[in-house]
Structure formats: structure tokens, C-alpha cells
Amino acid sequence: MPYKNIEDKREARMRSYYKNREKELERVKEYVKDYKNTYQYKKTQIISNWKYQGLIETDDYTYEELYEAYYYTINCEACGKQFKNTKYRHMDHCHKTGIFREIVCCRCNVLRRYADLN
């Protein structure tokens, strides 16, 4: 249905928007909820966190390679203890240079951080 002026067209669009708004919001909420449970979302969030904390890419490794190593590591590379869950798995890196060293447990990470400060 052609509109004679722009104002009529704008009003019709706004009526349609408000009429379907609740349905569209529900659709978006479902999409976001499903997306947050995906491997890609979690990978993106973890890599973003590493960048924020100062972990840098080098010629030896990329963030993608680091993530794959991080995801599949089940034992601390320093003490050999098995991780209880992902909360105890940490990326050990030099806080001065930002260069990655090892994937370690929480305890080893804290000990190394204090060793770096001294």
C-alpha cells in the first residue's frame, strides 16, 4: 500500500514495530541465551579476558593456539595436579612483558606471581 507522504509511512512502520515488539524481544532473548552456551562464545570471552589482563600474542603462539591448549589441559604443568574444574585453571604469564609461560593451577599461579614481584 503506497503512502502519499513520508509521515504516513513512518507512522505505519512505528505501529508495526510496537505491535510486534514483544515477540521480537522474546526471539532475541532466546537467541542470546542459546548463544551464551556455545563453544565460540566462551572462547571469545576467555580470549578477551586474556587481552584485558595483558597476555600478548607472539610469533610462537596465537590466541587460538593458546585457547586450544588451555581448553584441553587437565593437569597443572608446574605441579602435575589435576584441575577440579575450569575455575582452578590459570594462564601463567609474566606481568612485566605479558608473555605466556604455562597453564597452571591457582596455587602455582599465586606462587609465581609473588616470585615475579621479588
Protein backbone atom coordinates (compact mmCIF):
# COMPACT_ATOMS: atom_id res chain seq x y z
CA MET A 1 0.00 0.00 0.00
CA PRO A 2 1.74 3.14 -1.19
CA TYR A 3 1.76 6.10 1.16
CA LYS A 4 1.22 9.60 -0.07
CA ASN A 5 3.65 11.20 2.32
CA ILE A 6 6.59 10.19 4.47
CA GLU A 7 4.79 10.86 7.76
CA ASP A 8 2.10 8.26 6.99
CA LYS A 9 4.76 5.72 6.09
CA ARG A 10 6.68 6.45 9.32
CA GLU A 11 3.54 6.10 11.44
CA ALA A 12 2.69 2.76 9.82
CA ARG A 13 6.20 1.49 10.49
CA MET A 14 6.01 2.55 14.14
CA ARG A 15 2.61 0.86 14.59
CA SER A 16 4.05 -2.35 13.16
CA TYR A 17 7.09 -2.09 15.39
CA TYR A 18 5.08 -1.66 18.60
CA LYS A 19 2.66 -4.40 17.57
CA ASN A 20 5.44 -6.98 17.10
CA ARG A 21 7.85 -5.63 19.71
CA GLU A 22 7.18 -8.18 22.47
CA LYS A 23 7.52 -11.10 20.07
CA GLU A 24 10.80 -9.73 18.70
CA LEU A 25 12.22 -9.17 22.20
CA GLU A 26 11.41 -12.77 23.15
CA ARG A 27 13.10 -14.04 19.99
CA VAL A 28 16.24 -12.02 20.73
CA LYS A 29 16.35 -13.21 24.37
CA GLU A 30 16.14 -16.85 23.25
CA TYR A 31 18.90 -16.32 20.69
CA VAL A 32 21.21 -14.69 23.24
CA LYS A 33 20.52 -17.40 25.83
CA ASP A 34 21.34 -20.13 23.30
CA TYR A 35 24.44 -18.30 22.03
CA LYS A 36 25.93 -17.88 25.51
CA ASN A 37 26.08 -21.66 25.87
CA THR A 38 28.15 -22.15 22.72
CA TYR A 39 31.84 -23.01 22.49
CA GLN A 40 32.51 -19.96 20.30
CA TYR A 41 31.00 -17.51 22.82
CA LYS A 42 33.01 -18.94 25.72
CA LYS A 43 36.19 -18.92 23.62
CA THR A 44 35.65 -15.28 22.65
CA GLN A 45 35.04 -14.24 26.26
CA ILE A 46 38.13 -16.01 27.59
CA ILE A 47 40.41 -14.59 24.87
CA SER A 48 39.01 -11.09 25.51
CA ASN A 49 39.77 -11.53 29.20
CA TRP A 50 43.35 -12.56 28.42
CA LYS A 51 43.85 -9.48 26.26
CA TYR A 52 42.47 -7.27 29.02
CA GLN A 53 44.81 -8.86 31.58
CA GLY A 54 47.83 -8.18 29.37
CA LEU A 55 48.57 -11.59 27.82
CA ILE A 56 50.08 -10.94 24.38
CA GLU A 57 50.44 -12.96 21.17
CA THR A 58 53.96 -13.77 19.99
CA ASP A 59 55.48 -15.50 16.97
CA ASP A 60 55.50 -18.75 18.97
CA TYR A 61 51.74 -18.87 19.60
CA THR A 62 48.45 -17.19 18.76
CA TYR A 63 45.40 -16.71 20.98
CA GLU A 64 43.67 -19.53 19.07
CA GLU A 65 46.51 -21.96 19.78
CA LEU A 66 46.66 -20.89 23.41
CA TYR A 67 42.95 -21.41 23.82
CA GLU A 68 43.11 -24.91 22.36
CA ALA A 69 45.95 -25.80 24.76
CA TYR A 70 44.07 -24.19 27.67
CA TYR A 71 40.82 -25.98 26.83
CA TYR A 72 42.34 -29.47 26.63
CA THR A 73 44.82 -29.25 29.52
CA ILE A 74 43.65 -31.26 32.53
CA ASN A 75 46.76 -31.17 34.75
CA CYS A 76 48.85 -28.30 36.11
CA GLU A 77 52.03 -28.00 34.05
CA ALA A 78 54.04 -26.99 37.14
CA CYS A 79 52.97 -29.42 39.87
CA GLY A 80 51.05 -32.04 37.84
CA LYS A 81 47.92 -31.83 39.98
CA GLN A 82 44.60 -32.42 38.16
CA PHE A 83 42.27 -29.41 37.90
CA LYS A 84 39.00 -29.79 39.83
CA ASN A 85 37.22 -27.57 37.31
CA THR A 86 37.97 -24.68 34.96
CA LYS A 87 37.92 -22.19 37.83
CA TYR A 88 41.26 -23.57 39.05
CA ARG A 89 42.98 -23.42 35.64
CA HIS A 90 45.06 -20.26 35.05
CA MET A 91 47.25 -18.84 32.30
CA ASP A 92 50.60 -18.06 33.87
CA HIS A 93 52.31 -15.13 32.17
CA CYS A 94 54.96 -12.57 33.02
CA HIS A 95 53.21 -9.47 34.31
CA LYS A 96 56.03 -7.23 33.07
CA THR A 97 56.23 -8.48 29.47
CA GLY A 98 52.84 -10.22 29.05
CA ILE A 99 54.45 -13.37 27.61
CA PHE A 100 52.71 -16.69 28.34
CA ARG A 101 54.62 -19.33 30.33
CA GLU A 102 52.38 -22.25 31.34
CA ILE A 103 48.87 -23.37 32.22
CA VAL A 104 48.92 -23.80 35.98
CA CYS A 105 46.66 -24.33 38.97
CA CYS A 106 45.58 -21.46 41.18
CA ARG A 107 48.19 -22.22 43.85
CA CYS A 108 51.12 -22.31 41.41
CA ASN A 109 49.90 -19.13 39.74
CA VAL A 110 49.89 -17.23 43.04
CA LEU A 111 53.34 -18.54 43.99
CA ARG A 112 54.78 -17.47 40.64
CA ARG A 113 53.18 -14.07 40.86
CA TYR A 114 54.89 -13.43 44.19
CA ALA A 115 58.18 -14.74 42.77
CA ASP A 116 57.86 -12.20 39.89
CA LEU A 117 57.41 -9.34 42.34
CA ASN A 118 60.59 -10.18 44.25
